[in-house]
Amino acid sequence: MARYKHPSRKKRLIKKGRQTRWAPFWTVPKIYGPGRKVHPGRHTEVKRSWRRTKIQA
């Protein structure tokens, strides 16, 4: 990728980076109740890794 990133491309990359983060920890008790232990990554909409899947930004 180029050294200088155009602002619009940078904005798209930032959005994609936000989408791949785990969901907040408080979503687990909210969805399943207080006793259940589930990984918050399950509630992430878009799952993408920088190694596996590339994006067309």
Protein backbone atom coordinates (compact mmCIF):
# COMPACT_ATOMS: atom_id res chain seq x y z
CA MET A 1 0.00 0.00 0.00
CA ALA A 2 1.14 3.53 -0.67
CA ARG A 3 3.03 5.49 1.92
CA TYR A 4 0.58 8.38 1.60
CA LYS A 5 -2.99 7.24 2.23
CA HIS A 6 -5.77 9.35 0.79
CA PRO A 7 -8.20 10.50 3.52
CA SER A 8 -11.17 8.69 1.98
CA ARG A 9 -9.24 5.40 1.81
CA LYS A 10 -8.02 5.92 5.37
CA LYS A 11 -11.61 6.44 6.51
CA ARG A 12 -12.68 3.15 4.89
CA LEU A 13 -9.79 1.27 6.50
CA ILE A 14 -10.65 2.72 9.92
CA LYS A 15 -14.25 1.57 9.55
CA LYS A 16 -13.17 -1.96 8.58
CA GLY A 17 -10.83 -2.06 11.57
CA ARG A 18 -13.66 -1.11 13.91
CA GLN A 19 -15.94 -3.80 12.50
CA THR A 20 -13.55 -6.64 13.33
CA ARG A 21 -13.17 -5.80 17.03
CA TRP A 22 -14.84 -7.86 19.73
CA ALA A 23 -18.23 -6.76 20.96
CA PRO A 24 -18.25 -5.01 24.36
CA PHE A 25 -18.05 -7.32 27.38
CA TRP A 26 -21.42 -6.14 28.75
CA THR A 27 -23.27 -7.62 25.75
CA VAL A 28 -22.76 -11.16 27.15
CA PRO A 29 -24.90 -10.82 30.32
CA LYS A 30 -27.35 -8.64 28.39
CA ILE A 31 -28.01 -11.39 25.82
CA TYR A 32 -27.57 -14.61 27.85
CA GLY A 33 -28.15 -13.58 31.46
CA PRO A 34 -25.68 -13.11 34.31
CA GLY A 35 -24.47 -16.72 34.71
CA ARG A 36 -23.46 -17.63 31.16
CA LYS A 37 -19.82 -17.30 30.08
CA VAL A 38 -19.51 -16.67 26.35
CA HIS A 39 -16.73 -14.99 24.40
CA PRO A 40 -17.74 -11.47 23.28
CA GLY A 41 -16.22 -12.13 19.86
CA ARG A 42 -19.33 -14.16 19.07
CA HIS A 43 -21.40 -10.99 18.86
CA THR A 44 -19.18 -9.31 16.29
CA GLU A 45 -20.98 -8.76 13.00
CA VAL A 46 -18.04 -8.92 10.60
CA LYS A 47 -15.21 -11.33 11.37
CA ARG A 48 -12.12 -10.70 9.27
CA SER A 49 -8.41 -11.21 9.82
CA TRP A 50 -5.61 -9.25 8.16
CA ARG A 51 -4.02 -12.58 7.21
CA ARG A 52 -7.03 -14.46 5.85
CA THR A 53 -9.24 -11.98 4.02
CA LYS A 54 -8.11 -8.85 2.25
CA ILE A 55 -10.36 -5.82 1.69
CA GLN A 56 -10.67 -3.79 -1.46
CA ALA A 57 -10.14 -0.35 0.07
